[in-house]
Amino acid sequence: MLLIDNFDTRMSMFYKYISEEYADIKIIRNDEMLPEEIIAMNPKAVIIASGTGTPKDAGICADLIKKLDVSVPLLGIGLGAQMIGECFGASFAKMPAPTPKAFNTGFNTACPIFNGIETVVGCTENVTSPMMLTPVPEQLCITARDEYGRIISFAHKEYNVFGIQVYPSAFAGDTGKNIIRNFIACI
């Protein structure tokens, strides 16, 4: 599994969190390799982590998303989710009001990464990245909203391509670990 670091200060914590579920992980920075070099590595799955800035600041990530074989499971978190969404035609904008520090999220449990998860789970991470706007592109579907109606996650309708606005570790209980396990099950 390839984990792409967008210079996020939380990367080492996220790596530790995900490595408890999957051991064979390689981390690269978003400016370390060309998309063709990554594709030649034949990753079993790709996670594009969060980071600061906008998609134009995220190195090769957008090019990689466009060139990656659709059979490779792909998960974007925060900025990574924004890049995936934009590659499929979604629009994002900063929310006009401050984002609450804690909120409840309602999941569509028919989505593969939310399989077996409670329909409503608390989250303790402040969402600072821009949120997806409606209308949602035809290829994507909304898979989670928070109690304020904001889109927290989305998925591609045909492929194992997912975007989530917060790190899985921010969800209450074992929800985050289950999200990671479910993503790994897509490999």
N, C-alpha and C. Protein backbone atom coordinates (compact mmCIF):
# COMPACT_ATOMS: atom_id res chain seq x y z
N MET A 1 0.85 -1.17 0.00
CA MET A 1 0.00 0.00 0.00
C MET A 1 0.90 1.23 0.00
N LEU A 2 0.53 2.18 -0.81
CA LEU A 2 1.29 3.42 -0.90
C LEU A 2 0.54 4.52 -0.16
N LEU A 3 1.25 5.22 0.72
CA LEU A 3 0.69 6.33 1.48
C LEU A 3 1.41 7.59 1.03
N ILE A 4 0.65 8.54 0.47
CA ILE A 4 1.25 9.78 -0.03
C ILE A 4 1.07 10.88 1.00
N ASP A 5 2.19 11.44 1.41
CA ASP A 5 2.25 12.48 2.43
C ASP A 5 2.22 13.85 1.75
N ASN A 6 1.22 14.64 2.09
CA ASN A 6 1.12 16.01 1.60
C ASN A 6 1.66 16.99 2.64
N PHE A 7 2.79 16.61 3.24
CA PHE A 7 3.47 17.43 4.24
C PHE A 7 2.55 17.75 5.41
N ASP A 8 1.83 16.73 5.86
CA ASP A 8 0.91 16.86 6.98
C ASP A 8 1.66 16.55 8.27
N THR A 9 1.50 17.40 9.27
CA THR A 9 2.19 17.20 10.55
C THR A 9 1.70 15.95 11.28
N ARG A 10 0.53 15.43 10.89
CA ARG A 10 -0.02 14.25 11.57
C ARG A 10 0.34 12.94 10.88
N MET A 11 1.22 12.99 9.87
CA MET A 11 1.51 11.79 9.08
C MET A 11 2.08 10.65 9.92
N SER A 12 2.99 10.93 10.81
CA SER A 12 3.59 9.83 11.59
C SER A 12 2.53 9.16 12.47
N MET A 13 1.60 9.94 13.03
CA MET A 13 0.53 9.33 13.83
C MET A 13 -0.39 8.49 12.95
N PHE A 14 -0.70 9.00 11.74
CA PHE A 14 -1.58 8.24 10.85
C PHE A 14 -0.88 6.97 10.36
N TYR A 15 0.40 7.07 10.04
CA TYR A 15 1.15 5.88 9.62
C TYR A 15 1.10 4.81 10.72
N LYS A 16 1.34 5.22 11.96
CA LYS A 16 1.29 4.26 13.08
C LYS A 16 -0.10 3.65 13.19
N TYR A 17 -1.12 4.47 13.06
CA TYR A 17 -2.51 4.02 13.15
C TYR A 17 -2.83 2.99 12.08
N ILE A 18 -2.47 3.28 10.85
CA ILE A 18 -2.81 2.37 9.75
C ILE A 18 -1.91 1.13 9.75
N SER A 19 -0.66 1.26 10.21
CA SER A 19 0.24 0.11 10.21
C SER A 19 -0.17 -0.96 11.22
N GLU A 20 -1.03 -0.61 12.16
CA GLU A 20 -1.59 -1.60 13.08
C GLU A 20 -2.54 -2.55 12.35
N GLU A 21 -3.02 -2.12 11.19
CA GLU A 21 -3.95 -2.94 10.41
C GLU A 21 -3.32 -3.53 9.15
N TYR A 22 -2.27 -2.90 8.65
CA TYR A 22 -1.65 -3.35 7.39
C TYR A 22 -0.17 -3.01 7.47
N ALA A 23 0.67 -4.01 7.36
CA ALA A 23 2.11 -3.80 7.61
C ALA A 23 2.91 -3.34 6.40
N ASP A 24 2.50 -3.71 5.21
CA ASP A 24 3.30 -3.45 4.02
C ASP A 24 2.94 -2.08 3.42
N ILE A 25 3.47 -1.03 4.05
CA ILE A 25 3.14 0.35 3.65
C ILE A 25 4.43 1.08 3.27
N LYS A 26 4.37 1.78 2.16
CA LYS A 26 5.48 2.65 1.77
C LYS A 26 4.94 4.08 1.77
N ILE A 27 5.68 4.99 2.40
CA ILE A 27 5.30 6.41 2.43
C ILE A 27 6.21 7.18 1.48
N ILE A 28 5.59 8.03 0.67
CA ILE A 28 6.37 8.97 -0.15
C ILE A 28 5.75 10.36 0.01
N ARG A 29 6.56 11.36 -0.20
CA ARG A 29 6.06 12.74 -0.22
C ARG A 29 5.47 13.02 -1.60
N ASN A 30 4.62 14.02 -1.65
CA ASN A 30 3.91 14.31 -2.90
C ASN A 30 4.79 14.85 -4.02
N ASP A 31 6.06 15.09 -3.73
CA ASP A 31 6.98 15.58 -4.77
C ASP A 31 8.17 14.65 -4.96
N GLU A 32 8.07 13.44 -4.42
CA GLU A 32 9.19 12.51 -4.41
C GLU A 32 9.31 11.67 -5.68
N MET A 33 8.19 11.35 -6.32
CA MET A 33 8.19 10.48 -7.50
C MET A 33 7.21 11.02 -8.54
N LEU A 34 7.41 10.60 -9.76
CA LEU A 34 6.47 10.92 -10.84
C LEU A 34 5.33 9.91 -10.83
N PRO A 35 4.15 10.29 -11.33
CA PRO A 35 3.04 9.33 -11.37
C PRO A 35 3.41 8.02 -12.07
N GLU A 36 4.17 8.12 -13.15
CA GLU A 36 4.56 6.91 -13.89
C GLU A 36 5.44 5.99 -13.04
N GLU A 37 6.29 6.57 -12.21
CA GLU A 37 7.13 5.77 -11.32
C GLU A 37 6.28 5.06 -10.26
N ILE A 38 5.28 5.76 -9.77
CA ILE A 38 4.38 5.17 -8.77
C ILE A 38 3.60 4.03 -9.40
N ILE A 39 3.06 4.25 -10.57
CA ILE A 39 2.29 3.22 -11.26
C ILE A 39 3.17 2.00 -11.54
N ALA A 40 4.43 2.23 -11.90
CA ALA A 40 5.37 1.12 -12.16
C ALA A 40 5.63 0.30 -10.89
N MET A 41 5.44 0.89 -9.70
CA MET A 41 5.59 0.17 -8.44
C MET A 41 4.47 -0.84 -8.24
N ASN A 42 3.38 -0.68 -8.99
CA ASN A 42 2.22 -1.56 -8.92
C ASN A 42 1.64 -1.65 -7.49
N PRO A 43 1.28 -0.49 -6.90
CA PRO A 43 0.74 -0.53 -5.54
C PRO A 43 -0.60 -1.27 -5.50
N LYS A 44 -0.85 -1.95 -4.40
CA LYS A 44 -2.12 -2.67 -4.23
C LYS A 44 -3.24 -1.71 -3.87
N ALA A 45 -2.88 -0.58 -3.26
CA ALA A 45 -3.84 0.46 -2.89
C ALA A 45 -3.06 1.74 -2.66
N VAL A 46 -3.76 2.87 -2.74
CA VAL A 46 -3.13 4.17 -2.53
C VAL A 46 -4.00 4.98 -1.57
N ILE A 47 -3.34 5.58 -0.58
CA ILE A 47 -4.01 6.53 0.31
C ILE A 47 -3.31 7.87 0.14
N ILE A 48 -4.10 8.89 -0.20
CA ILE A 48 -3.56 10.24 -0.31
C ILE A 48 -4.00 10.99 0.94
N ALA A 49 -3.02 11.33 1.76
CA ALA A 49 -3.31 11.93 3.06
C ALA A 49 -3.63 13.41 2.94
N SER A 50 -4.05 13.95 4.05
CA SER A 50 -4.37 15.35 4.15
C SER A 50 -3.11 16.19 4.13
N GLY A 51 -3.28 17.48 4.13
CA GLY A 51 -2.15 18.40 4.13
C GLY A 51 -2.65 19.82 4.09
N THR A 52 -1.73 20.74 4.01
CA THR A 52 -2.11 22.14 3.96
C THR A 52 -2.19 22.60 2.51
N GLY A 53 -2.86 23.68 2.29
CA GLY A 53 -2.93 24.25 0.95
C GLY A 53 -4.12 23.73 0.17
N THR A 54 -3.97 23.80 -1.13
CA THR A 54 -5.02 23.41 -2.06
C THR A 54 -4.48 22.32 -2.97
N PRO A 55 -5.34 21.69 -3.79
CA PRO A 55 -4.85 20.64 -4.69
C PRO A 55 -3.67 21.06 -5.57
N LYS A 56 -3.60 22.33 -5.93
CA LYS A 56 -2.47 22.77 -6.77
C LYS A 56 -1.15 22.73 -6.00
N ASP A 57 -1.24 22.68 -4.67
CA ASP A 57 -0.04 22.60 -3.83
C ASP A 57 0.37 21.17 -3.51
N ALA A 58 -0.35 20.19 -4.04
CA ALA A 58 -0.17 18.79 -3.64
C ALA A 58 0.66 17.98 -4.62
N GLY A 59 1.65 18.58 -5.21
CA GLY A 59 2.59 17.83 -6.06
C GLY A 59 1.91 17.04 -7.15
N ILE A 60 2.27 15.76 -7.23
CA ILE A 60 1.83 14.90 -8.33
C ILE A 60 0.48 14.24 -8.08
N CYS A 61 -0.16 14.52 -6.96
CA CYS A 61 -1.35 13.77 -6.57
C CYS A 61 -2.47 13.80 -7.62
N ALA A 62 -2.81 14.97 -8.12
CA ALA A 62 -3.90 15.05 -9.11
C ALA A 62 -3.55 14.27 -10.38
N ASP A 63 -2.30 14.39 -10.85
CA ASP A 63 -1.89 13.63 -12.04
C ASP A 63 -1.95 12.14 -11.77
N LEU A 64 -1.54 11.73 -10.58
CA LEU A 64 -1.58 10.31 -10.23
C LEU A 64 -3.02 9.80 -10.23
N ILE A 65 -3.94 10.54 -9.64
CA ILE A 65 -5.34 10.12 -9.60
C ILE A 65 -5.87 9.91 -11.01
N LYS A 66 -5.53 10.80 -11.91
CA LYS A 66 -6.01 10.71 -13.30
C LYS A 66 -5.39 9.54 -14.06
N LYS A 67 -4.16 9.15 -13.70
CA LYS A 67 -3.45 8.10 -14.43
C LYS A 67 -3.55 6.72 -13.79
N LEU A 68 -3.93 6.66 -12.52
CA LEU A 68 -3.97 5.41 -11.79
C LEU A 68 -5.07 4.51 -12.34
N ASP A 69 -4.76 3.24 -12.48
CA ASP A 69 -5.74 2.26 -12.94
C ASP A 69 -6.91 2.24 -11.96
N VAL A 70 -8.13 2.24 -12.47
CA VAL A 70 -9.31 2.29 -11.60
C VAL A 70 -9.47 1.03 -10.76
N SER A 71 -8.72 -0.02 -11.06
CA SER A 71 -8.81 -1.24 -10.25
C SER A 71 -8.02 -1.12 -8.95
N VAL A 72 -7.19 -0.08 -8.82
CA VAL A 72 -6.40 0.13 -7.60
C VAL A 72 -7.26 0.91 -6.60
N PRO A 73 -7.58 0.32 -5.44
CA PRO A 73 -8.36 1.05 -4.46
C PRO A 73 -7.65 2.35 -4.06
N LEU A 74 -8.43 3.42 -3.93
CA LEU A 74 -7.90 4.74 -3.66
C LEU A 74 -8.72 5.40 -2.56
N LEU A 75 -8.02 5.91 -1.54
CA LEU A 75 -8.67 6.62 -0.45
C LEU A 75 -7.99 7.97 -0.29
N GLY A 76 -8.78 9.02 -0.31
CA GLY A 76 -8.26 10.36 -0.06
C GLY A 76 -8.81 10.87 1.26
N ILE A 77 -7.94 11.52 2.03
CA ILE A 77 -8.34 12.05 3.34
C ILE A 77 -8.08 13.56 3.33
N GLY A 78 -9.08 14.35 3.71
CA GLY A 78 -8.92 15.81 3.76
C GLY A 78 -8.55 16.36 2.39
N LEU A 79 -7.34 16.91 2.27
CA LEU A 79 -6.88 17.43 0.98
C LEU A 79 -6.89 16.33 -0.08
N GLY A 80 -6.55 15.11 0.31
CA GLY A 80 -6.59 13.98 -0.63
C GLY A 80 -7.99 13.74 -1.16
N ALA A 81 -9.00 13.86 -0.31
CA ALA A 81 -10.39 13.71 -0.74
C ALA A 81 -10.77 14.83 -1.69
N GLN A 82 -10.32 16.03 -1.38
CA GLN A 82 -10.62 17.17 -2.24
C GLN A 82 -10.04 16.94 -3.64
N MET A 83 -8.81 16.42 -3.70
CA MET A 83 -8.19 16.17 -5.01
C MET A 83 -8.95 15.12 -5.80
N ILE A 84 -9.34 14.03 -5.13
CA ILE A 84 -10.11 12.99 -5.81
C ILE A 84 -11.41 13.57 -6.33
N GLY A 85 -12.12 14.28 -5.47
CA GLY A 85 -13.39 14.88 -5.88
C GLY A 85 -13.24 15.80 -7.07
N GLU A 86 -12.24 16.68 -7.03
CA GLU A 86 -12.02 17.60 -8.15
C GLU A 86 -11.68 16.86 -9.44
N CYS A 87 -10.93 15.78 -9.35
CA CYS A 87 -10.58 15.00 -10.55
C CYS A 87 -11.82 14.39 -11.20
N PHE A 88 -12.88 14.20 -10.42
CA PHE A 88 -14.13 13.67 -10.95
C PHE A 88 -15.18 14.75 -11.16
N GLY A 89 -14.78 16.03 -11.06
CA GLY A 89 -15.67 17.13 -11.39
C GLY A 89 -16.39 17.80 -10.23
N ALA A 90 -16.03 17.47 -9.00
CA ALA A 90 -16.68 18.09 -7.84
C ALA A 90 -16.10 19.47 -7.58
N SER A 91 -16.89 20.31 -6.93
CA SER A 91 -16.44 21.63 -6.50
C SER A 91 -16.39 21.66 -4.98
N PHE A 92 -15.41 22.39 -4.47
CA PHE A 92 -15.22 22.51 -3.03
C PHE A 92 -15.13 23.98 -2.66
N ALA A 93 -15.54 24.30 -1.43
CA ALA A 93 -15.42 25.67 -0.94
C ALA A 93 -15.26 25.63 0.57
N LYS A 94 -14.57 26.64 1.10
CA LYS A 94 -14.47 26.78 2.55
C LYS A 94 -15.85 27.08 3.10
N MET A 95 -16.14 26.56 4.26
CA MET A 95 -17.42 26.83 4.90
C MET A 95 -17.39 28.24 5.47
N PRO A 96 -18.48 29.00 5.34
CA PRO A 96 -18.48 30.39 5.82
C PRO A 96 -18.43 30.52 7.33
N ALA A 97 -18.97 29.56 8.06
CA ALA A 97 -18.98 29.63 9.52
C ALA A 97 -17.89 28.72 10.09
N PRO A 98 -17.42 29.01 11.27
CA PRO A 98 -16.42 28.13 11.89
C PRO A 98 -16.97 26.70 12.02
N THR A 99 -16.09 25.75 11.84
CA THR A 99 -16.47 24.35 11.92
C THR A 99 -16.48 23.90 13.37
N PRO A 100 -17.53 23.23 13.81
CA PRO A 100 -17.54 22.76 15.19
C PRO A 100 -16.46 21.71 15.42
N LYS A 101 -15.91 21.70 16.62
CA LYS A 101 -14.83 20.77 16.96
C LYS A 101 -15.32 19.33 17.01
N ALA A 102 -16.53 19.10 17.48
CA ALA A 102 -17.08 17.75 17.57
C ALA A 102 -18.45 17.73 16.90
N PHE A 103 -18.76 16.64 16.24
CA PHE A 103 -20.04 16.52 15.56
C PHE A 103 -20.36 15.05 15.36
N ASN A 104 -21.61 14.78 15.03
CA ASN A 104 -22.03 13.42 14.71
C ASN A 104 -22.10 13.25 13.21
N THR A 105 -21.71 12.07 12.74
CA THR A 105 -21.72 11.77 11.32
C THR A 105 -22.63 10.58 11.06
N GLY A 106 -23.48 10.72 10.06
CA GLY A 106 -24.35 9.62 9.64
C GLY A 106 -23.77 8.96 8.40
N PHE A 107 -23.50 7.65 8.50
CA PHE A 107 -22.86 6.90 7.42
C PHE A 107 -23.85 6.11 6.59
N ASN A 108 -23.59 6.01 5.30
CA ASN A 108 -24.30 5.09 4.42
C ASN A 108 -23.57 3.76 4.52
N THR A 109 -24.10 2.84 5.27
CA THR A 109 -23.41 1.59 5.54
C THR A 109 -23.39 0.64 4.33
N ALA A 110 -24.03 1.03 3.24
CA ALA A 110 -23.92 0.24 2.00
C ALA A 110 -22.59 0.52 1.31
N CYS A 111 -21.92 1.61 1.67
CA CYS A 111 -20.61 1.93 1.12
C CYS A 111 -19.60 0.93 1.68
N PRO A 112 -18.75 0.34 0.84
CA PRO A 112 -17.82 -0.70 1.31
C PRO A 112 -16.95 -0.28 2.50
N ILE A 113 -16.50 0.97 2.57
CA ILE A 113 -15.61 1.32 3.69
C ILE A 113 -16.38 1.56 5.00
N PHE A 114 -17.71 1.62 4.92
CA PHE A 114 -18.51 1.80 6.12
C PHE A 114 -19.31 0.55 6.47
N ASN A 115 -18.99 -0.57 5.84
CA ASN A 115 -19.66 -1.83 6.10
C ASN A 115 -19.50 -2.23 7.58
N GLY A 116 -20.60 -2.53 8.24
CA GLY A 116 -20.55 -2.97 9.62
C GLY A 116 -20.36 -1.87 10.64
N ILE A 117 -20.42 -0.63 10.22
CA ILE A 117 -20.24 0.51 11.12
C ILE A 117 -21.61 1.03 11.52
N GLU A 118 -21.73 1.54 12.74
CA GLU A 118 -22.99 2.12 13.19
C GLU A 118 -23.39 3.26 12.24
N THR A 119 -24.68 3.49 12.11
CA THR A 119 -25.13 4.52 11.17
C THR A 119 -24.80 5.93 11.61
N VAL A 120 -24.70 6.18 12.92
CA VAL A 120 -24.31 7.51 13.41
C VAL A 120 -23.17 7.35 14.41
N VAL A 121 -22.08 8.10 14.18
CA VAL A 121 -20.89 8.01 15.02
C VAL A 121 -20.39 9.42 15.30
N GLY A 122 -19.89 9.65 16.50
CA GLY A 122 -19.31 10.93 16.85
C GLY A 122 -17.92 11.09 16.25
N CYS A 123 -17.55 12.35 16.00
CA CYS A 123 -16.23 12.67 15.45
C CYS A 123 -15.66 13.84 16.25
N THR A 124 -14.38 13.77 16.54
CA THR A 124 -13.76 14.81 17.37
C THR A 124 -12.70 15.61 16.64
N GLU A 125 -12.74 15.64 15.31
CA GLU A 125 -11.74 16.39 14.56
C GLU A 125 -12.37 17.61 13.93
N ASN A 126 -11.71 18.73 14.03
CA ASN A 126 -12.17 19.96 13.41
C ASN A 126 -11.97 19.85 11.90
N VAL A 127 -13.03 20.00 11.13
CA VAL A 127 -12.93 19.94 9.68
C VAL A 127 -12.52 21.31 9.17
N THR A 128 -11.28 21.43 8.71
CA THR A 128 -10.80 22.72 8.22
C THR A 128 -10.65 22.75 6.71
N SER A 129 -10.68 21.57 6.07
CA SER A 129 -10.54 21.56 4.61
C SER A 129 -11.85 21.98 3.96
N PRO A 130 -11.79 22.47 2.74
CA PRO A 130 -13.02 22.86 2.04
C PRO A 130 -13.97 21.67 1.90
N MET A 131 -15.25 21.94 1.93
CA MET A 131 -16.26 20.90 1.86
C MET A 131 -16.82 20.81 0.44
N MET A 132 -17.18 19.58 0.03
CA MET A 132 -17.76 19.38 -1.29
C MET A 132 -19.11 20.08 -1.37
N LEU A 133 -19.34 20.70 -2.51
CA LEU A 133 -20.59 21.40 -2.76
C LEU A 133 -21.53 20.52 -3.57
N THR A 134 -22.80 20.82 -3.51
CA THR A 134 -23.75 20.14 -4.38
C THR A 134 -23.99 21.03 -5.58
N PRO A 135 -24.34 20.53 -6.75
CA PRO A 135 -24.64 19.13 -6.99
C PRO A 135 -23.36 18.28 -7.05
N VAL A 136 -23.50 17.03 -6.62
CA VAL A 136 -22.40 16.08 -6.64
C VAL A 136 -22.30 15.51 -8.05
N PRO A 137 -21.09 15.40 -8.61
CA PRO A 137 -20.94 14.83 -9.95
C PRO A 137 -21.60 13.46 -10.07
N GLU A 138 -22.10 13.15 -11.24
CA GLU A 138 -22.86 11.93 -11.47
C GLU A 138 -22.09 10.66 -11.11
N GLN A 139 -20.77 10.65 -11.26
CA GLN A 139 -19.97 9.45 -10.99
C GLN A 139 -19.80 9.19 -9.50
N LEU A 140 -20.07 10.19 -8.66
CA LEU A 140 -19.84 10.07 -7.23
C LEU A 140 -21.16 10.03 -6.47
N CYS A 141 -21.12 9.46 -5.26
CA CYS A 141 -22.29 9.51 -4.38
C CYS A 141 -21.83 9.89 -2.98
N ILE A 142 -22.70 10.57 -2.27
CA ILE A 142 -22.41 10.97 -0.90
C ILE A 142 -22.57 9.74 -0.01
N THR A 143 -21.59 9.49 0.86
CA THR A 143 -21.65 8.31 1.73
C THR A 143 -21.71 8.68 3.21
N ALA A 144 -21.50 9.94 3.55
CA ALA A 144 -21.66 10.38 4.94
C ALA A 144 -21.86 11.89 4.98
N ARG A 145 -22.75 12.29 5.88
CA ARG A 145 -22.97 13.71 6.17
C ARG A 145 -22.92 13.88 7.67
N ASP A 146 -22.54 15.08 8.07
CA ASP A 146 -22.58 15.34 9.51
C ASP A 146 -23.95 15.89 9.89
N GLU A 147 -24.12 16.14 11.17
CA GLU A 147 -25.42 16.60 11.66
C GLU A 147 -25.81 17.97 11.13
N TYR A 148 -24.86 18.70 10.52
CA TYR A 148 -25.13 20.02 9.95
C TYR A 148 -25.41 19.93 8.45
N GLY A 149 -25.41 18.69 7.91
CA GLY A 149 -25.69 18.49 6.49
C GLY A 149 -24.47 18.57 5.60
N ARG A 150 -23.29 18.82 6.19
CA ARG A 150 -22.08 18.90 5.37
C ARG A 150 -21.66 17.52 4.89
N ILE A 151 -21.12 17.46 3.68
CA ILE A 151 -20.66 16.20 3.11
C ILE A 151 -19.33 15.83 3.78
N ILE A 152 -19.31 14.68 4.45
CA ILE A 152 -18.12 14.22 5.15
C ILE A 152 -17.38 13.17 4.33
N SER A 153 -18.09 12.42 3.50
CA SER A 153 -17.40 11.46 2.64
C SER A 153 -18.21 11.18 1.38
N PHE A 154 -17.49 10.66 0.39
CA PHE A 154 -18.11 10.30 -0.88
C PHE A 154 -17.39 9.08 -1.45
N ALA A 155 -18.02 8.47 -2.42
CA ALA A 155 -17.41 7.31 -3.09
C ALA A 155 -17.75 7.36 -4.56
N HIS A 156 -16.91 6.72 -5.36
CA HIS A 156 -17.22 6.54 -6.78
C HIS A 156 -18.29 5.46 -6.88
N LYS A 157 -19.22 5.60 -7.81
CA LYS A 157 -20.31 4.64 -7.92
C LYS A 157 -19.88 3.29 -8.46
N GLU A 158 -18.76 3.22 -9.19
CA GLU A 158 -18.34 1.95 -9.79
C GLU A 158 -17.06 1.38 -9.22
N TYR A 159 -16.15 2.21 -8.78
CA TYR A 159 -14.82 1.77 -8.39
C TYR A 159 -14.57 1.98 -6.90
N ASN A 160 -13.56 1.32 -6.38
CA ASN A 160 -13.18 1.48 -4.98
C ASN A 160 -12.35 2.75 -4.80
N VAL A 161 -13.02 3.87 -4.98
CA VAL A 161 -12.42 5.19 -4.86
C VAL A 161 -13.26 5.95 -3.83
N PHE A 162 -12.60 6.40 -2.76
CA PHE A 162 -13.31 7.00 -1.63
C PHE A 162 -12.63 8.29 -1.19
N GLY A 163 -13.43 9.22 -0.71
CA GLY A 163 -12.90 10.45 -0.12
C GLY A 163 -13.56 10.65 1.23
N ILE A 164 -12.77 11.04 2.21
CA ILE A 164 -13.29 11.29 3.55
C ILE A 164 -12.63 12.55 4.10
N GLN A 165 -13.40 13.40 4.74
CA GLN A 165 -12.91 14.72 5.15
C GLN A 165 -12.01 14.71 6.38
N VAL A 166 -12.07 13.67 7.20
CA VAL A 166 -11.29 13.64 8.45
C VAL A 166 -10.52 12.33 8.54
N TYR A 167 -9.45 12.35 9.31
CA TYR A 167 -8.72 11.11 9.53
C TYR A 167 -9.61 10.10 10.24
N PRO A 168 -9.57 8.83 9.82
CA PRO A 168 -10.42 7.82 10.46
C PRO A 168 -10.23 7.75 11.98
N SER A 169 -9.04 8.06 12.46
CA SER A 169 -8.78 8.00 13.90
C SER A 169 -9.61 9.00 14.69
N ALA A 170 -10.24 9.97 14.04
CA ALA A 170 -11.03 10.97 14.74
C ALA A 170 -12.43 10.48 15.10
N PHE A 171 -12.86 9.34 14.52
CA PHE A 171 -14.19 8.83 14.82
C PHE A 171 -14.18 8.04 16.12
N ALA A 172 -15.30 8.09 16.82
CA ALA A 172 -15.41 7.45 18.14
C ALA A 172 -15.28 5.93 18.06
N GLY A 173 -14.79 5.36 19.15
CA GLY A 173 -14.71 3.90 19.28
C GLY A 173 -13.79 3.27 18.24
N ASP A 174 -14.20 2.12 17.75
CA ASP A 174 -13.41 1.38 16.76
C ASP A 174 -13.77 1.75 15.33
N THR A 175 -14.56 2.78 15.14
CA THR A 175 -15.03 3.16 13.80
C THR A 175 -13.88 3.38 12.84
N GLY A 176 -12.87 4.15 13.25
CA GLY A 176 -11.74 4.44 12.36
C GLY A 176 -11.00 3.19 11.94
N LYS A 177 -10.74 2.29 12.90
CA LYS A 177 -10.05 1.03 12.57
C LYS A 177 -10.89 0.21 11.60
N ASN A 178 -12.21 0.21 11.81
CA ASN A 178 -13.09 -0.53 10.90
C ASN A 178 -13.09 0.07 9.50
N ILE A 179 -13.02 1.39 9.41
CA ILE A 179 -12.94 2.04 8.09
C ILE A 179 -11.66 1.58 7.39
N ILE A 180 -10.54 1.59 8.09
CA ILE A 180 -9.28 1.15 7.51
C ILE A 180 -9.35 -0.32 7.11
N ARG A 181 -9.86 -1.17 8.00
CA ARG A 181 -10.00 -2.61 7.68
C ARG A 181 -10.86 -2.80 6.43
N ASN A 182 -11.97 -2.05 6.35
CA ASN A 182 -12.84 -2.17 5.19
C ASN A 182 -12.15 -1.70 3.91
N PHE A 183 -11.34 -0.64 4.01
CA PHE A 183 -10.60 -0.20 2.83
C PHE A 183 -9.59 -1.28 2.42
N ILE A 184 -8.90 -1.87 3.38
CA ILE A 184 -7.94 -2.93 3.09
C ILE A 184 -8.65 -4.13 2.45
N ALA A 185 -9.88 -4.40 2.86
CA ALA A 185 -10.64 -5.51 2.27
C ALA A 185 -10.94 -5.29 0.79
N CYS A 186 -10.85 -4.05 0.32
CA CYS A 186 -11.07 -3.74 -1.10
C CYS A 186 -9.87 -4.13 -1.97
N ILE A 187 -8.74 -4.42 -1.33
CA ILE A 187 -7.52 -4.76 -2.08
C ILE A 187 -7.66 -6.13 -2.71
